[in-house]
N, C-alpha and C. Protein backbone atom coordinates (compact mmCIF):
# COMPACT_ATOMS: atom_id res chain seq x y z
N UNK A 1 2.09 -19.57 4.75
CA UNK A 1 1.95 -19.62 3.31
C UNK A 1 1.19 -18.41 2.77
N UNK A 2 0.65 -17.54 3.64
CA UNK A 2 -0.08 -16.39 3.17
C UNK A 2 0.86 -15.28 2.72
N UNK A 3 0.47 -14.58 1.65
CA UNK A 3 1.27 -13.42 1.27
C UNK A 3 1.13 -12.30 2.32
N UNK A 4 2.18 -11.52 2.49
CA UNK A 4 2.20 -10.44 3.45
C UNK A 4 2.53 -9.15 2.70
N UNK A 5 1.81 -8.07 3.00
CA UNK A 5 2.14 -6.76 2.47
C UNK A 5 2.78 -6.00 3.62
N UNK A 6 3.96 -5.43 3.34
CA UNK A 6 4.67 -4.65 4.35
C UNK A 6 4.78 -3.22 3.84
N UNK A 7 4.30 -2.28 4.66
CA UNK A 7 4.37 -0.86 4.38
C UNK A 7 5.36 -0.26 5.38
N UNK A 8 6.38 0.44 4.89
CA UNK A 8 7.35 1.10 5.76
C UNK A 8 7.24 2.61 5.56
N UNK A 9 6.98 3.31 6.67
CA UNK A 9 6.83 4.76 6.62
C UNK A 9 7.48 5.36 7.84
N UNK A 10 8.41 6.28 7.60
CA UNK A 10 9.07 7.00 8.68
C UNK A 10 9.67 6.05 9.72
N UNK A 11 10.27 4.96 9.25
CA UNK A 11 10.92 4.01 10.15
C UNK A 11 9.98 3.01 10.81
N UNK A 12 8.68 3.16 10.61
CA UNK A 12 7.70 2.24 11.17
C UNK A 12 7.32 1.20 10.13
N UNK A 13 7.22 -0.06 10.56
CA UNK A 13 6.81 -1.15 9.67
C UNK A 13 5.39 -1.58 10.02
N UNK A 14 4.58 -1.70 9.01
CA UNK A 14 3.20 -2.19 9.15
C UNK A 14 3.09 -3.42 8.28
N UNK A 15 2.56 -4.52 8.86
CA UNK A 15 2.44 -5.78 8.14
C UNK A 15 0.98 -6.19 8.07
N UNK A 16 0.57 -6.63 6.88
CA UNK A 16 -0.83 -7.00 6.67
C UNK A 16 -0.91 -8.34 5.97
N UNK A 17 -1.69 -9.25 6.54
CA UNK A 17 -1.93 -10.53 5.90
C UNK A 17 -3.39 -10.71 5.52
N UNK A 18 -4.17 -9.64 5.71
CA UNK A 18 -5.59 -9.66 5.30
C UNK A 18 -6.00 -8.26 4.85
N UNK A 19 -7.21 -8.16 4.34
CA UNK A 19 -7.72 -6.93 3.77
C UNK A 19 -7.73 -5.79 4.80
N UNK A 20 -7.27 -4.62 4.34
CA UNK A 20 -7.20 -3.45 5.22
C UNK A 20 -7.15 -2.19 4.36
N UNK A 21 -7.77 -1.13 4.83
CA UNK A 21 -7.64 0.19 4.24
C UNK A 21 -6.80 1.04 5.18
N UNK A 22 -5.89 1.79 4.62
CA UNK A 22 -4.94 2.58 5.40
C UNK A 22 -4.96 4.02 4.86
N UNK A 23 -5.36 4.97 5.69
CA UNK A 23 -5.42 6.37 5.28
C UNK A 23 -4.17 7.09 5.74
N UNK A 24 -3.59 7.87 4.84
CA UNK A 24 -2.39 8.67 5.12
C UNK A 24 -2.78 10.14 5.01
N UNK A 25 -2.39 10.94 6.00
CA UNK A 25 -2.68 12.36 5.94
C UNK A 25 -2.22 13.10 7.17
N UNK A 26 -2.60 14.35 7.23
CA UNK A 26 -2.16 15.24 8.31
C UNK A 26 -3.05 15.09 9.56
N UNK A 27 -4.29 14.63 9.38
CA UNK A 27 -5.25 14.51 10.46
C UNK A 27 -4.82 13.42 11.46
N UNK A 28 -5.03 13.68 12.72
CA UNK A 28 -4.62 12.70 13.78
C UNK A 28 -5.33 11.38 13.66
N UNK A 29 -6.52 11.36 13.06
CA UNK A 29 -7.27 10.13 12.96
C UNK A 29 -6.77 9.22 11.84
N UNK A 30 -5.82 9.68 11.04
CA UNK A 30 -5.26 8.87 9.95
C UNK A 30 -4.41 7.72 10.52
N UNK A 31 -4.31 6.65 9.73
CA UNK A 31 -3.50 5.51 10.16
C UNK A 31 -2.01 5.85 10.14
N UNK A 32 -1.57 6.64 9.16
CA UNK A 32 -0.20 7.15 9.10
C UNK A 32 -0.32 8.66 9.04
N UNK A 33 0.22 9.32 10.05
CA UNK A 33 0.12 10.79 10.15
C UNK A 33 1.40 11.41 9.63
N UNK A 34 1.23 12.39 8.71
CA UNK A 34 2.36 13.15 8.19
C UNK A 34 2.11 14.59 8.59
N UNK A 35 2.84 15.06 9.58
CA UNK A 35 2.66 16.41 10.12
C UNK A 35 3.40 17.42 9.26
N UNK A 36 2.83 17.78 8.14
CA UNK A 36 3.46 18.72 7.21
C UNK A 36 2.37 19.53 6.52
N UNK A 37 2.60 20.84 6.34
CA UNK A 37 1.59 21.72 5.76
C UNK A 37 1.29 21.40 4.30
N UNK A 38 2.18 20.70 3.60
CA UNK A 38 1.94 20.31 2.21
C UNK A 38 1.13 19.02 2.06
N UNK A 39 0.78 18.42 3.17
CA UNK A 39 0.01 17.19 3.18
C UNK A 39 -1.42 17.50 3.56
N UNK A 40 -2.38 16.98 2.78
CA UNK A 40 -3.79 17.21 3.07
C UNK A 40 -4.21 16.44 4.30
N UNK A 41 -5.34 16.85 4.91
CA UNK A 41 -5.82 16.19 6.12
C UNK A 41 -6.02 14.70 5.87
N UNK A 42 -6.64 14.34 4.77
CA UNK A 42 -6.79 12.94 4.31
C UNK A 42 -6.21 12.92 2.90
N UNK A 43 -4.96 12.53 2.78
CA UNK A 43 -4.19 12.71 1.57
C UNK A 43 -4.39 11.57 0.55
N UNK A 44 -4.18 10.34 1.03
CA UNK A 44 -4.31 9.19 0.13
C UNK A 44 -4.76 7.94 0.92
N UNK A 45 -5.15 6.95 0.14
CA UNK A 45 -5.69 5.72 0.73
C UNK A 45 -4.99 4.51 0.11
N UNK A 46 -4.47 3.64 0.96
CA UNK A 46 -3.96 2.35 0.51
C UNK A 46 -5.08 1.33 0.72
N UNK A 47 -5.36 0.57 -0.30
CA UNK A 47 -6.30 -0.55 -0.18
C UNK A 47 -5.48 -1.82 -0.33
N UNK A 48 -5.43 -2.58 0.75
CA UNK A 48 -4.55 -3.74 0.82
C UNK A 48 -5.40 -5.01 0.90
N UNK A 49 -5.13 -5.93 0.02
CA UNK A 49 -5.76 -7.26 0.02
C UNK A 49 -4.68 -8.21 -0.49
N UNK A 50 -3.77 -8.63 0.44
CA UNK A 50 -2.57 -9.36 0.02
C UNK A 50 -2.85 -10.46 -0.99
N UNK A 51 -2.05 -10.54 -2.05
CA UNK A 51 -0.85 -9.77 -2.32
C UNK A 51 -1.09 -8.44 -3.06
N UNK A 52 -2.34 -8.10 -3.30
CA UNK A 52 -2.64 -6.86 -4.05
C UNK A 52 -2.59 -5.62 -3.15
N UNK A 53 -2.06 -4.53 -3.72
CA UNK A 53 -2.03 -3.25 -3.01
C UNK A 53 -2.41 -2.17 -4.04
N UNK A 54 -3.37 -1.34 -3.67
CA UNK A 54 -3.81 -0.26 -4.54
C UNK A 54 -3.69 1.05 -3.78
N UNK A 55 -3.46 2.13 -4.50
CA UNK A 55 -3.34 3.46 -3.92
C UNK A 55 -4.30 4.40 -4.64
N UNK A 56 -4.95 5.26 -3.88
CA UNK A 56 -5.83 6.28 -4.45
C UNK A 56 -5.55 7.59 -3.76
N UNK A 57 -5.21 8.62 -4.54
CA UNK A 57 -5.08 9.97 -3.99
C UNK A 57 -6.48 10.47 -3.67
N UNK A 58 -6.65 11.08 -2.51
CA UNK A 58 -7.97 11.54 -2.08
C UNK A 58 -8.16 13.01 -2.39
N UNK A 59 -7.89 13.38 -3.66
CA UNK A 59 -8.01 14.78 -4.11
C UNK A 59 -7.17 15.71 -3.28
N UNK A 60 -5.95 15.28 -2.96
CA UNK A 60 -5.05 16.11 -2.16
C UNK A 60 -4.62 17.33 -2.98
N UNK A 61 -4.24 18.36 -2.26
CA UNK A 61 -3.81 19.61 -2.89
C UNK A 61 -2.52 19.43 -3.70
N UNK A 62 -1.54 18.72 -3.14
CA UNK A 62 -0.24 18.60 -3.78
C UNK A 62 0.02 17.25 -4.45
N UNK A 63 -0.95 16.36 -4.41
CA UNK A 63 -0.82 15.07 -5.09
C UNK A 63 0.04 14.06 -4.37
N UNK A 64 0.01 12.84 -4.90
CA UNK A 64 0.76 11.72 -4.38
C UNK A 64 1.62 11.16 -5.51
N UNK A 65 2.89 10.91 -5.22
CA UNK A 65 3.79 10.39 -6.23
C UNK A 65 4.02 8.89 -6.03
N UNK A 66 4.04 8.15 -7.13
CA UNK A 66 4.38 6.73 -7.11
C UNK A 66 5.60 6.57 -7.99
N UNK A 67 6.71 6.19 -7.39
CA UNK A 67 7.99 6.06 -8.11
C UNK A 67 8.27 7.35 -8.90
N UNK A 68 8.11 8.48 -8.24
CA UNK A 68 8.39 9.82 -8.77
C UNK A 68 7.42 10.29 -9.85
N UNK A 69 6.36 9.54 -10.09
CA UNK A 69 5.34 9.91 -11.09
C UNK A 69 4.02 10.20 -10.36
N UNK A 70 3.24 11.17 -10.87
CA UNK A 70 1.95 11.45 -10.23
C UNK A 70 1.04 10.22 -10.24
N UNK A 71 0.45 9.91 -9.08
CA UNK A 71 -0.48 8.80 -8.96
C UNK A 71 -1.90 9.33 -9.23
N UNK A 72 -2.47 8.93 -10.33
CA UNK A 72 -3.81 9.39 -10.71
C UNK A 72 -4.78 8.23 -10.68
N UNK A 73 -5.97 8.46 -10.12
CA UNK A 73 -6.96 7.40 -10.05
C UNK A 73 -6.48 6.29 -9.12
N UNK A 74 -6.92 5.08 -9.39
CA UNK A 74 -6.46 3.93 -8.62
C UNK A 74 -5.19 3.41 -9.27
N UNK A 75 -4.13 3.28 -8.48
CA UNK A 75 -2.85 2.82 -8.98
C UNK A 75 -2.51 1.52 -8.32
N UNK A 76 -2.25 0.50 -9.10
CA UNK A 76 -1.82 -0.77 -8.55
C UNK A 76 -0.34 -0.67 -8.19
N UNK A 77 -0.02 -1.03 -6.93
CA UNK A 77 1.36 -0.98 -6.46
C UNK A 77 1.98 -2.37 -6.51
N UNK A 78 3.28 -2.39 -6.65
CA UNK A 78 4.02 -3.64 -6.71
C UNK A 78 5.18 -3.65 -5.72
N UNK A 79 5.73 -4.82 -5.50
CA UNK A 79 6.85 -4.97 -4.60
C UNK A 79 7.97 -3.98 -4.96
N UNK A 80 8.41 -3.20 -3.96
CA UNK A 80 9.50 -2.26 -4.17
C UNK A 80 9.08 -0.85 -4.56
N UNK A 81 7.78 -0.64 -4.79
CA UNK A 81 7.32 0.71 -5.16
C UNK A 81 7.50 1.68 -4.01
N UNK A 82 7.73 2.95 -4.38
CA UNK A 82 7.90 4.02 -3.39
C UNK A 82 6.80 5.05 -3.62
N UNK A 83 6.10 5.40 -2.55
CA UNK A 83 5.02 6.38 -2.60
C UNK A 83 5.48 7.59 -1.78
N UNK A 84 5.36 8.78 -2.37
CA UNK A 84 5.74 10.02 -1.67
C UNK A 84 4.52 10.82 -1.36
N UNK A 85 4.37 11.12 -0.05
CA UNK A 85 3.31 11.96 0.47
C UNK A 85 3.99 13.11 1.18
N UNK A 86 4.01 14.29 0.55
CA UNK A 86 4.77 15.42 1.11
C UNK A 86 6.23 14.99 1.28
N UNK A 87 6.80 15.18 2.48
CA UNK A 87 8.20 14.83 2.68
C UNK A 87 8.42 13.34 2.99
N UNK A 88 7.36 12.60 3.19
CA UNK A 88 7.49 11.19 3.61
C UNK A 88 7.49 10.24 2.44
N UNK A 89 8.47 9.32 2.44
CA UNK A 89 8.46 8.24 1.46
C UNK A 89 7.96 6.98 2.13
N UNK A 90 7.02 6.32 1.47
CA UNK A 90 6.42 5.10 1.98
C UNK A 90 6.81 3.98 1.04
N UNK A 91 7.42 2.97 1.59
CA UNK A 91 7.93 1.82 0.80
C UNK A 91 6.93 0.69 0.87
N UNK A 92 6.66 0.04 -0.26
CA UNK A 92 5.72 -1.08 -0.32
C UNK A 92 6.51 -2.35 -0.66
N UNK A 93 6.32 -3.39 0.14
CA UNK A 93 6.94 -4.69 -0.13
C UNK A 93 5.89 -5.77 -0.01
N UNK A 94 5.96 -6.73 -0.94
CA UNK A 94 5.04 -7.87 -0.90
C UNK A 94 5.88 -9.11 -0.71
N UNK A 95 5.62 -9.80 0.37
CA UNK A 95 6.36 -11.04 0.70
C UNK A 95 5.46 -12.22 0.36
N UNK A 96 5.93 -13.05 -0.54
CA UNK A 96 5.18 -14.24 -0.95
C UNK A 96 5.77 -15.43 -0.23
N UNK A 97 5.66 -15.44 1.09
CA UNK A 97 6.29 -16.49 1.90
C UNK A 97 5.80 -17.87 1.49
N UNK A 98 6.75 -18.75 1.27
CA UNK A 98 6.42 -20.12 0.91
C UNK A 98 6.13 -20.32 -0.56
N UNK A 99 6.18 -19.25 -1.34
CA UNK A 99 5.91 -19.35 -2.76
C UNK A 99 7.19 -19.00 -3.53
N UNK A 100 7.55 -19.80 -4.49
CA UNK A 100 8.76 -19.55 -5.27
C UNK A 100 8.59 -18.33 -6.17
N UNK A 101 7.41 -18.17 -6.74
CA UNK A 101 7.13 -17.01 -7.59
C UNK A 101 5.62 -16.81 -7.63
N UNK A 102 5.16 -15.82 -8.36
CA UNK A 102 3.72 -15.51 -8.42
C UNK A 102 2.90 -16.63 -9.02
N UNK A 103 3.47 -17.43 -9.91
CA UNK A 103 2.70 -18.52 -10.51
C UNK A 103 2.34 -19.56 -9.44
N UNK A 104 3.25 -19.79 -8.48
CA UNK A 104 2.94 -20.70 -7.37
C UNK A 104 1.79 -20.12 -6.55
N UNK A 105 1.81 -18.81 -6.31
CA UNK A 105 0.77 -18.16 -5.54
C UNK A 105 -0.57 -18.27 -6.28
N UNK A 106 -0.54 -18.06 -7.59
CA UNK A 106 -1.76 -18.15 -8.38
C UNK A 106 -2.34 -19.57 -8.28
N UNK A 107 -1.48 -20.56 -8.42
CA UNK A 107 -1.94 -21.95 -8.33
C UNK A 107 -2.53 -22.24 -6.95
N UNK A 108 -1.90 -21.72 -5.91
CA UNK A 108 -2.38 -21.92 -4.54
C UNK A 108 -3.77 -21.28 -4.37
N UNK A 109 -3.92 -20.06 -4.84
CA UNK A 109 -5.19 -19.35 -4.72
C UNK A 109 -6.29 -20.05 -5.54
N UNK A 110 -5.94 -20.49 -6.73
CA UNK A 110 -6.90 -21.21 -7.58
C UNK A 110 -7.36 -22.46 -6.88
N UNK A 111 -6.42 -23.21 -6.29
CA UNK A 111 -6.75 -24.43 -5.56
C UNK A 111 -7.69 -24.14 -4.40
N UNK A 112 -7.42 -23.06 -3.64
CA UNK A 112 -8.28 -22.71 -2.51
C UNK A 112 -9.68 -22.33 -2.98
N UNK A 113 -9.78 -21.62 -4.10
CA UNK A 113 -11.08 -21.24 -4.63
C UNK A 113 -11.91 -22.44 -5.06
N UNK A 114 -11.25 -23.46 -5.60
CA UNK A 114 -11.96 -24.64 -6.03
C UNK A 114 -12.59 -25.40 -4.86
N UNK A 115 -12.03 -25.25 -3.66
CA UNK A 115 -12.52 -25.99 -2.50
C UNK A 115 -13.53 -25.21 -1.70
N UNK A 116 -13.82 -23.97 -2.09
CA UNK A 116 -14.81 -23.15 -1.34
C UNK A 116 -16.19 -23.32 -1.88
């Protein structure tokens, strides 16, 4: 019943059902490495807390595009959004398994909060 965030980059699928930060860049220590001279060492950061996904450009030289538009500041991402880092396109999908729509998810989360 938990929402899942799926990130697809360069044919690789990453699935998250809990909070995670994901760094994209040219540096080998990044979670997703883009080996291209137009990509900064630490280019951008995904902040994932299913079902929410946020993107922040890390002051990269060439910027980060969200659905072909420059991503400035913190950008909230939605199901189906495309993020471009240099030559790589990163697809974001949010799976609300077991929920008919977001209102069901909201009701479920509200119910869980009331019991904590």
